[in-house]
Amino acid sequence: MRSNRFFCTRAVAALATAAALAVFGGVSATAQETGKLTIASFYPVDKVAGWEGMLKSFREKHGDVEIEVQVTPFAQYLPKLLSQIAGGDAPDVVAVENTPFPQFVRRNILEDLTPLMEATDGFTRDDFFEHLLDRYTVDGKVHGIPYDAQPFAILYYNPSMFEQAGVEEPTGDWSWDQLRSAALALTDQDTQTYGLCLSANTRSNWRYFLFSGGGSYVDDGRMPTRSTVADAASVDATKFYIALMNEDKSVPTVRTLEAMGGASQNCTNLFLNGKSAMMIGGFWKAVENPEAFKKMGVKIAMAPVKDPQDRVYPTGGTAYSILRTSDNKELAWSFLQEFLGEAGFKAAYGEADLGAIYPPAHRPAFNWYSSQPIEFLDGLQPNSDALAFIRFAPFRTDWTEIRTRCVDPDLDAMLNGTANADETLKAMASCIDGSL
């Protein structure tokens, strides 16, 4: 039998939540049970692993709520939302990718979720990884709840290829020098077998080496005053990556991947087909290919850095927010708790193939997931360890435009060795400085 203390605690929590909802206008209990929610995203969120399991769990608690998913290509996403808000036909919950998040805040279209978090047991600030939640917090106000915790920090490797080559398996303490030596030893140019492959995204690969080598885009991620891509650490990190591809030939170049039919999925394909002994990326690579990873017996470690005493990894990530114009804020908040909380991730795990889901940004959910059988890999610990060392892109409303104008045009040429690295990085820095 539950004690009076339990009921008192629940009553106080309910009153606090109701008060928080009143701050931005809650909806009636009837709307909560029979309402409709529109979820907007720049990717097909309804196709992520375990979505249907999470949705079933939510409906069991809130009735047969209608959930509409609205997907818009990334480039048109914010303009469409602004148009819908102006027309009075905006969605309730929106996905916000970390890089354009400052633009959403500047537009003042996201609800301040701080009062709700403070009033919701098990869904407070302390229940999320601090580094991730901080990205979506401005002036102490939380405008987005982070969904996933998967930095670009995982070294996947094929243990059978290491055994056949007589190379010692990686550990989380590996440095770049150890990575380079192993990649060379595992490369066979006659059979076009590579020691290491990376993401299909050139910019992501460079950013991994840039950050993990002690370099950076700018001097201060929150309040940048100058570019640091031409500083010594950034130059050295870039040249190391170039050397792996063009001198050692232990990493396929963008040109090589394109010659194989396009870079989109070829790195993962190389790895899964035994043509690359190692691959660096995020945890999502395994979630997207659980059966193949299980069959291969893939293992993981934290990705190597230049100096293990100075560890930094780039990260992406998406948060979910409630638009200020939503008429269903109470139902939307209930949905966020389910989708981004422990109950939702448990339901998603049960529905997903081999329990392969994106690691949660919600700490209790992450800890629970870490304790479950991870059939498609040898564990989750490297991903967990890497979360203490993440770094986002600069917090600027115009960072995407700066990057598109100053970094992207000459990046491939520099990495392929057809453009001088020193000169290219100086030009990039000058362009960024002019924009700052």
Protein backbone atom coordinates (compact mmCIF):
# COMPACT_ATOMS: atom_id res chain seq x y z
CA MET A 1 0.00 0.00 0.00
CA ARG A 2 1.30 3.44 -0.87
CA SER A 3 1.89 5.78 2.04
CA ASN A 4 0.28 9.17 2.65
CA ARG A 5 3.73 10.64 2.05
CA PHE A 6 3.66 9.28 -1.50
CA PHE A 7 0.31 10.91 -2.23
CA CYS A 8 1.42 14.19 -0.66
CA THR A 9 4.58 14.20 -2.74
CA ARG A 10 2.63 13.51 -5.92
CA ALA A 11 0.09 16.21 -5.04
CA VAL A 12 2.79 18.82 -4.47
CA ALA A 13 4.49 17.87 -7.74
CA ALA A 14 1.18 18.07 -9.59
CA LEU A 15 0.44 21.52 -8.18
CA ALA A 16 3.93 22.73 -9.11
CA THR A 17 3.55 21.43 -12.63
CA ALA A 18 0.14 23.04 -12.96
CA ALA A 19 1.58 26.34 -11.79
CA ALA A 20 4.36 26.08 -14.33
CA LEU A 21 1.89 25.35 -17.10
CA ALA A 22 -0.15 28.35 -16.06
CA VAL A 23 2.88 30.52 -16.78
CA PHE A 24 2.51 29.88 -20.50
CA GLY A 25 -1.13 28.84 -20.66
CA GLY A 26 -1.98 25.18 -20.14
CA VAL A 27 -4.83 23.37 -21.88
CA SER A 28 -7.75 21.48 -20.48
CA ALA A 29 -7.63 17.85 -19.32
CA THR A 30 -9.97 16.99 -22.20
CA ALA A 31 -7.49 18.37 -24.73
CA GLN A 32 -4.71 16.40 -23.08
CA GLU A 33 -6.58 13.12 -23.56
CA THR A 34 -8.11 13.69 -26.99
CA GLY A 35 -5.81 16.24 -28.57
CA LYS A 36 -3.63 16.27 -31.62
CA LEU A 37 0.07 17.06 -31.75
CA THR A 38 2.07 18.04 -34.79
CA ILE A 39 5.77 17.20 -34.57
CA ALA A 40 7.99 19.05 -37.05
CA SER A 41 11.47 17.88 -37.97
CA PHE A 42 14.12 18.21 -40.66
CA TYR A 43 14.50 14.42 -40.79
CA PRO A 44 11.94 11.57 -40.66
CA VAL A 45 11.77 11.34 -36.87
CA ASP A 46 8.98 8.77 -37.17
CA LYS A 47 11.51 6.40 -38.76
CA VAL A 48 14.05 6.44 -35.91
CA ALA A 49 14.66 3.15 -34.12
CA GLY A 50 11.91 2.35 -31.64
CA TRP A 51 9.56 5.23 -32.57
CA GLU A 52 6.44 3.06 -32.75
CA GLY A 53 7.20 1.49 -29.38
CA MET A 54 7.54 4.92 -27.79
CA LEU A 55 4.33 6.12 -29.43
CA LYS A 56 2.39 3.11 -28.16
CA SER A 57 3.63 3.76 -24.63
CA PHE A 58 2.58 7.42 -24.85
CA ARG A 59 -0.91 6.58 -26.09
CA GLU A 60 -1.45 4.05 -23.32
CA LYS A 61 -1.11 6.94 -20.85
CA HIS A 62 -2.80 9.76 -22.78
CA GLY A 63 -5.45 8.13 -24.89
CA ASP A 64 -5.55 7.78 -28.64
CA VAL A 65 -3.74 11.04 -29.30
CA GLU A 66 -3.28 11.88 -32.98
CA ILE A 67 0.39 12.44 -33.80
CA GLU A 68 1.21 14.07 -37.11
CA VAL A 69 4.85 14.18 -38.23
CA GLN A 70 5.81 17.01 -40.57
CA VAL A 71 9.17 16.59 -42.31
CA THR A 72 10.83 19.47 -44.17
CA PRO A 73 14.29 19.52 -45.78
CA PHE A 74 16.91 21.19 -43.59
CA ALA A 75 17.44 24.27 -45.78
CA GLN A 76 13.71 25.09 -45.85
CA TYR A 77 12.95 24.06 -42.27
CA LEU A 78 13.15 27.36 -40.37
CA PRO A 79 11.61 29.49 -43.16
CA LYS A 80 8.65 27.11 -43.31
CA LEU A 81 8.16 27.26 -39.53
CA LEU A 82 8.22 31.05 -39.57
CA SER A 83 5.66 31.07 -42.37
CA GLN A 84 3.41 28.68 -40.47
CA ILE A 85 3.66 30.76 -37.30
CA ALA A 86 2.69 33.88 -39.24
CA GLY A 87 -0.24 32.00 -40.78
CA GLY A 88 -1.48 30.57 -37.48
CA ASP A 89 -0.90 26.97 -38.54
CA ALA A 90 2.34 26.11 -36.77
CA PRO A 91 3.29 22.71 -35.27
CA ASP A 92 3.47 22.11 -31.53
CA VAL A 93 6.81 20.35 -31.06
CA VAL A 94 9.83 21.10 -33.23
CA ALA A 95 13.19 19.43 -33.69
CA VAL A 96 16.07 21.92 -33.41
CA GLU A 97 19.51 20.93 -34.66
CA ASN A 98 22.31 22.33 -32.52
CA THR A 99 24.01 24.52 -35.15
CA PRO A 100 20.99 26.68 -36.19
CA PHE A 101 19.60 26.68 -32.62
CA PRO A 102 20.81 30.30 -31.99
CA GLN A 103 18.64 31.42 -34.92
CA PHE A 104 15.55 29.91 -33.27
CA VAL A 105 16.35 31.73 -30.03
CA ARG A 106 16.92 35.03 -31.82
CA ARG A 107 13.52 34.68 -33.48
CA ASN A 108 11.95 34.21 -30.02
CA ILE A 109 9.74 31.35 -31.21
CA LEU A 110 10.65 28.70 -28.62
CA GLU A 111 8.97 28.30 -25.25
CA ASP A 112 11.05 28.73 -22.09
CA LEU A 113 10.90 25.23 -20.63
CA THR A 114 12.73 26.08 -17.41
CA PRO A 115 9.62 26.35 -15.18
CA LEU A 116 8.38 22.98 -16.40
CA MET A 117 11.71 21.27 -15.83
CA GLU A 118 11.93 22.66 -12.33
CA ALA A 119 8.46 21.32 -11.56
CA THR A 120 8.80 17.87 -13.16
CA ASP A 121 10.35 15.16 -11.04
CA GLY A 122 12.83 13.04 -13.01
CA PHE A 123 13.04 15.58 -15.83
CA THR A 124 15.04 18.41 -14.28
CA ARG A 125 18.29 19.96 -15.45
CA ASP A 126 20.23 17.46 -13.34
CA ASP A 127 18.61 14.60 -15.24
CA PHE A 128 20.40 15.54 -18.48
CA PHE A 129 24.05 15.56 -19.49
CA GLU A 130 25.21 19.07 -18.64
CA HIS A 131 27.30 19.63 -21.78
CA LEU A 132 24.33 18.75 -23.99
CA LEU A 133 21.69 20.73 -22.13
CA ASP A 134 23.96 23.78 -21.99
CA ARG A 135 23.85 24.07 -25.80
CA TYR A 136 20.12 24.75 -25.64
CA THR A 137 20.27 27.08 -22.64
CA VAL A 138 20.52 30.85 -23.06
CA ASP A 139 20.69 33.30 -20.14
CA GLY A 140 19.77 30.49 -17.79
CA LYS A 141 16.64 29.57 -19.75
CA VAL A 142 16.24 26.13 -21.31
CA HIS A 143 14.67 26.34 -24.77
CA GLY A 144 15.24 22.77 -25.94
CA ILE A 145 15.47 19.29 -24.43
CA PRO A 146 18.36 17.28 -25.96
CA TYR A 147 17.42 13.95 -27.47
CA ASP A 148 20.58 11.99 -28.15
CA ALA A 149 24.06 11.58 -26.68
CA GLN A 150 26.38 10.32 -29.40
CA PRO A 151 29.50 12.38 -30.09
CA PHE A 152 31.73 11.84 -33.11
CA ALA A 153 34.05 9.85 -30.89
CA ILE A 154 33.71 6.12 -31.54
CA LEU A 155 36.45 3.95 -33.02
CA TYR A 156 34.80 0.85 -34.48
CA TYR A 157 37.08 -2.04 -35.31
CA ASN A 158 36.95 -5.52 -36.77
CA PRO A 159 38.76 -7.78 -34.25
CA SER A 160 39.32 -10.59 -36.77
CA MET A 161 41.31 -8.28 -39.07
CA PHE A 162 43.49 -7.21 -36.16
CA GLU A 163 44.11 -10.83 -35.22
CA GLN A 164 44.99 -11.83 -38.80
CA ALA A 165 47.44 -8.92 -39.11
CA GLY A 166 48.96 -9.51 -35.69
CA VAL A 167 48.10 -5.99 -34.59
CA GLU A 168 47.14 -5.23 -31.00
CA GLU A 169 43.49 -4.19 -30.58
CA PRO A 170 42.74 -0.53 -29.80
CA THR A 171 42.13 0.85 -26.35
CA GLY A 172 40.55 4.10 -25.17
CA ASP A 173 44.03 5.44 -24.40
CA TRP A 174 45.32 5.29 -27.95
CA SER A 175 47.04 8.36 -29.35
CA TRP A 176 47.16 9.45 -32.98
CA ASP A 177 50.58 7.86 -33.37
CA GLN A 178 49.20 4.47 -32.36
CA LEU A 179 46.25 4.94 -34.70
CA ARG A 180 48.56 5.79 -37.58
CA SER A 181 50.82 2.79 -36.98
CA ALA A 182 47.90 0.39 -36.76
CA ALA A 183 46.23 1.85 -39.85
CA LEU A 184 49.42 1.39 -41.87
CA ALA A 185 49.86 -2.19 -40.69
CA LEU A 186 46.27 -3.04 -41.60
CA THR A 187 46.38 -1.46 -45.07
CA ASP A 188 46.86 -3.62 -48.17
CA GLN A 189 46.94 -1.52 -51.32
CA ASP A 190 46.95 -4.59 -53.57
CA THR A 191 43.50 -5.61 -52.33
CA GLN A 192 42.33 -2.04 -51.72
CA THR A 193 41.93 -2.74 -48.03
CA TYR A 194 42.28 0.28 -45.75
CA GLY A 195 43.34 0.47 -42.16
CA LEU A 196 40.87 3.25 -41.37
CA CYS A 197 37.79 4.83 -42.87
CA LEU A 198 35.77 7.78 -41.62
CA SER A 199 32.42 9.40 -42.21
CA ALA A 200 31.09 10.20 -45.65
CA ASN A 201 31.02 13.85 -44.56
CA THR A 202 34.36 15.54 -45.31
CA ARG A 203 33.65 18.42 -42.95
CA SER A 204 32.84 16.06 -40.05
CA ASN A 205 36.06 14.13 -40.59
CA TRP A 206 38.18 17.28 -40.62
CA ARG A 207 36.41 18.64 -37.55
CA TYR A 208 37.19 15.39 -35.71
CA PHE A 209 40.92 15.76 -36.40
CA LEU A 210 40.81 19.51 -35.81
CA PHE A 211 39.25 19.19 -32.33
CA SER A 212 40.98 16.00 -31.22
CA GLY A 213 44.32 17.49 -32.27
CA GLY A 214 44.01 20.56 -30.07
CA GLY A 215 42.76 22.87 -32.80
CA SER A 216 39.49 24.74 -33.18
CA TYR A 217 37.39 26.98 -35.40
CA VAL A 218 37.43 30.01 -33.10
CA ASP A 219 38.95 31.19 -29.83
CA ASP A 220 35.70 31.00 -27.82
CA GLY A 221 32.73 28.85 -28.73
CA ARG A 222 30.15 31.10 -27.05
CA MET A 223 31.67 34.54 -27.73
CA PRO A 224 34.17 34.15 -30.59
CA THR A 225 36.45 37.08 -31.41
CA ARG A 226 38.82 35.51 -33.95
CA SER A 227 39.36 32.36 -35.98
CA THR A 228 41.95 29.81 -34.85
CA VAL A 229 41.94 27.50 -37.90
CA ALA A 230 45.34 28.88 -38.96
CA ASP A 231 46.91 28.50 -35.50
CA ALA A 232 49.70 25.94 -35.14
CA ALA A 233 47.57 23.23 -33.49
CA SER A 234 44.89 23.47 -36.17
CA VAL A 235 47.44 23.39 -39.00
CA ASP A 236 49.25 20.37 -37.53
CA ALA A 237 45.98 18.50 -37.02
CA THR A 238 44.91 19.17 -40.59
CA LYS A 239 48.24 18.04 -42.02
CA PHE A 240 48.08 14.83 -39.98
CA TYR A 241 44.72 13.96 -41.52
CA ILE A 242 45.99 14.80 -45.00
CA ALA A 243 49.04 12.58 -44.47
CA LEU A 244 46.88 9.59 -43.56
CA MET A 245 45.11 9.87 -46.90
CA ASN A 246 47.75 11.10 -49.30
CA GLU A 247 51.05 9.82 -47.87
CA ASP A 248 50.18 6.67 -45.93
CA LYS A 249 47.17 5.87 -48.14
CA SER A 250 45.71 4.07 -45.12
CA VAL A 251 42.52 6.17 -45.30
CA PRO A 252 40.47 6.46 -48.52
CA THR A 253 40.20 9.98 -49.88
CA VAL A 254 36.95 11.61 -50.89
CA ARG A 255 37.97 11.05 -54.51
CA THR A 256 38.49 7.35 -53.84
CA LEU A 257 35.08 6.99 -52.24
CA GLU A 258 33.45 8.89 -55.08
CA ALA A 259 35.17 6.62 -57.60
CA MET A 260 33.56 3.68 -55.84
CA GLY A 261 30.14 5.11 -56.57
CA GLY A 262 29.65 8.02 -54.22
CA ALA A 263 30.76 8.84 -50.71
CA SER A 264 27.33 8.66 -49.08
CA GLN A 265 27.55 5.19 -47.55
CA ASN A 266 30.83 3.82 -48.85
CA CYS A 267 32.82 4.14 -45.64
CA THR A 268 30.32 2.03 -43.72
CA ASN A 269 30.13 -0.37 -46.64
CA LEU A 270 33.92 -0.69 -46.75
CA PHE A 271 33.97 -1.50 -43.06
CA LEU A 272 31.11 -4.00 -43.16
CA ASN A 273 32.61 -5.71 -46.24
CA GLY A 274 35.99 -6.22 -44.58
CA LYS A 275 37.71 -3.57 -46.69
CA SER A 276 38.47 -1.31 -43.73
CA ALA A 277 39.69 -2.56 -40.37
CA MET A 278 38.61 0.56 -38.44
CA MET A 279 36.03 3.29 -38.77
CA ILE A 280 35.53 6.51 -36.78
CA GLY A 281 32.11 8.10 -36.35
CA GLY A 282 29.17 8.32 -34.00
CA PHE A 283 27.13 5.63 -32.30
CA TRP A 284 24.43 6.05 -34.93
CA LYS A 285 26.46 3.97 -37.38
CA ALA A 286 25.86 0.88 -35.26
CA VAL A 287 22.20 1.74 -34.61
CA GLU A 288 21.61 1.92 -38.35
CA ASN A 289 23.28 -1.48 -39.00
CA PRO A 290 22.76 -3.61 -35.87
CA GLU A 291 22.44 -7.01 -37.55
CA ALA A 292 25.56 -6.51 -39.67
CA PHE A 293 27.58 -5.22 -36.70
CA LYS A 294 26.51 -8.17 -34.57
CA LYS A 295 27.40 -10.66 -37.29
CA MET A 296 30.87 -9.14 -37.66
CA GLY A 297 31.48 -9.03 -33.91
CA VAL A 298 32.37 -5.32 -34.03
CA LYS A 299 34.05 -3.80 -30.98
CA ILE A 300 34.44 -0.15 -30.03
CA ALA A 301 36.80 2.17 -28.16
CA MET A 302 36.96 5.92 -27.64
CA ALA A 303 38.45 7.43 -30.76
CA PRO A 304 42.16 8.31 -30.51
CA VAL A 305 43.28 11.89 -29.91
CA LYS A 306 46.65 13.54 -30.42
CA ASP A 307 47.23 13.87 -26.67
CA PRO A 308 45.10 11.64 -24.38
CA GLN A 309 45.62 14.21 -21.61
CA ASP A 310 43.89 16.88 -23.73
CA ARG A 311 40.83 15.11 -25.10
CA VAL A 312 38.16 16.92 -27.20
CA TYR A 313 35.55 15.49 -29.56
CA PRO A 314 33.11 17.22 -31.88
CA THR A 315 29.43 16.54 -31.40
CA GLY A 316 26.20 17.21 -33.17
CA GLY A 317 22.80 16.50 -31.74
CA THR A 318 19.18 17.52 -31.84
CA ALA A 319 16.86 18.96 -29.22
CA TYR A 320 13.08 19.12 -29.18
CA SER A 321 11.23 22.29 -28.23
CA ILE A 322 7.69 23.59 -27.88
CA LEU A 323 6.72 26.54 -30.05
CA ARG A 324 5.36 29.52 -28.14
CA THR A 325 2.35 29.57 -30.47
CA SER A 326 1.25 26.01 -29.61
CA ASP A 327 -2.28 25.61 -28.23
CA ASN A 328 -1.38 22.17 -26.85
CA LYS A 329 1.55 22.98 -24.57
CA GLU A 330 0.47 20.66 -21.77
CA LEU A 331 0.11 17.71 -24.12
CA ALA A 332 3.35 18.70 -25.85
CA TRP A 333 5.21 18.69 -22.53
CA SER A 334 3.79 15.24 -21.73
CA PHE A 335 5.00 14.06 -25.13
CA LEU A 336 8.51 15.41 -24.56
CA GLN A 337 8.70 13.61 -21.22
CA GLU A 338 7.77 10.35 -22.91
CA PHE A 339 9.86 10.75 -26.06
CA LEU A 340 12.99 12.05 -24.31
CA GLY A 341 12.63 10.34 -20.94
CA GLU A 342 13.22 6.91 -19.47
CA ALA A 343 9.77 5.47 -20.23
CA GLY A 344 9.98 6.34 -23.90
CA PHE A 345 13.48 4.99 -24.37
CA LYS A 346 12.54 1.75 -22.60
CA ALA A 347 9.60 1.34 -24.95
CA ALA A 348 11.79 2.18 -27.95
CA TYR A 349 14.42 -0.35 -26.84
CA GLY A 350 11.80 -3.07 -26.65
CA GLU A 351 10.55 -2.36 -30.15
CA ALA A 352 13.88 -1.76 -31.94
CA ASP A 353 15.90 -4.47 -33.67
CA LEU A 354 18.39 -5.96 -31.18
CA GLY A 355 17.56 -3.06 -28.84
CA ALA A 356 19.51 -0.70 -31.09
CA ILE A 357 18.47 2.86 -30.18
CA TYR A 358 20.27 6.20 -30.04
CA PRO A 359 21.86 6.69 -26.61
CA PRO A 360 19.65 9.08 -24.59
CA ALA A 361 20.70 12.54 -23.42
CA HIS A 362 18.48 11.89 -20.39
CA ARG A 363 20.83 10.51 -17.72
CA PRO A 364 18.48 8.00 -16.05
CA ALA A 365 17.47 6.67 -19.47
CA PHE A 366 21.13 6.49 -20.55
CA ASN A 367 22.11 4.65 -17.37
CA TRP A 368 19.26 2.20 -17.85
CA TYR A 369 20.23 1.62 -21.48
CA SER A 370 23.85 1.07 -20.48
CA SER A 371 22.75 -1.77 -18.20
CA GLN A 372 20.88 -3.61 -20.96
CA PRO A 373 22.35 -6.24 -23.29
CA ILE A 374 23.96 -4.44 -26.23
CA GLU A 375 23.84 -7.35 -28.68
CA PHE A 376 25.19 -5.51 -31.70
CA LEU A 377 28.38 -4.21 -30.00
CA ASP A 378 30.57 -5.10 -27.06
CA GLY A 379 29.21 -2.24 -24.93
CA LEU A 380 28.30 1.42 -24.59
CA GLN A 381 31.04 2.62 -22.24
CA PRO A 382 33.26 4.40 -24.83
CA ASN A 383 30.29 6.54 -25.89
CA SER A 384 29.55 7.32 -22.24
CA ASP A 385 33.17 8.24 -21.48
CA ALA A 386 33.43 10.55 -24.50
CA LEU A 387 30.51 12.73 -23.37
CA ALA A 388 32.75 14.55 -20.90
CA PHE A 389 34.89 15.92 -23.75
CA ILE A 390 32.42 17.21 -26.34
CA ARG A 391 32.49 20.52 -28.17
CA PHE A 392 29.78 22.03 -30.37
CA ALA A 393 30.16 24.34 -33.35
CA PRO A 394 30.43 28.06 -32.46
CA PHE A 395 27.28 29.55 -30.93
CA ARG A 396 26.49 32.07 -33.66
CA THR A 397 23.25 32.75 -35.48
CA ASP A 398 25.24 33.02 -38.72
CA TRP A 399 27.70 30.16 -38.22
CA THR A 400 26.20 28.03 -41.00
CA GLU A 401 26.56 30.93 -43.43
CA ILE A 402 30.13 31.63 -42.28
CA ARG A 403 31.10 27.99 -42.66
CA THR A 404 29.46 27.73 -46.07
CA ARG A 405 31.25 30.84 -47.29
CA CYS A 406 34.64 30.49 -45.61
CA VAL A 407 35.32 26.79 -44.99
CA ASP A 408 33.43 24.54 -47.36
CA PRO A 409 34.55 25.83 -50.79
CA ASP A 410 38.24 24.87 -50.46
CA LEU A 411 38.03 22.07 -47.91
CA ASP A 412 38.03 19.08 -50.28
CA ALA A 413 40.84 20.52 -52.40
CA MET A 414 42.98 21.02 -49.30
CA LEU A 415 42.31 17.53 -47.97
CA ASN A 416 42.98 15.94 -51.35
CA GLY A 417 46.35 17.69 -51.47
CA THR A 418 45.58 19.86 -54.48
CA ALA A 419 45.56 23.05 -52.38
CA ASN A 420 48.30 24.08 -49.94
CA ALA A 421 47.13 23.52 -46.36
CA ASP A 422 48.93 26.52 -44.82
CA GLU A 423 47.64 28.96 -47.41
CA THR A 424 44.12 27.52 -47.41
CA LEU A 425 43.79 27.66 -43.62
CA LYS A 426 45.09 31.26 -43.57
CA ALA A 427 42.47 32.21 -46.14
CA MET A 428 39.76 30.45 -44.14
CA ALA A 429 40.82 32.27 -40.96
CA SER A 430 40.85 35.62 -42.71
CA CYS A 431 37.38 35.04 -44.12
CA ILE A 432 36.02 33.95 -40.72
CA ASP A 433 37.61 36.94 -38.99
CA GLY A 434 35.95 39.26 -41.49
CA SER A 435 32.59 37.70 -40.67
CA LEU A 436 33.10 37.88 -36.91
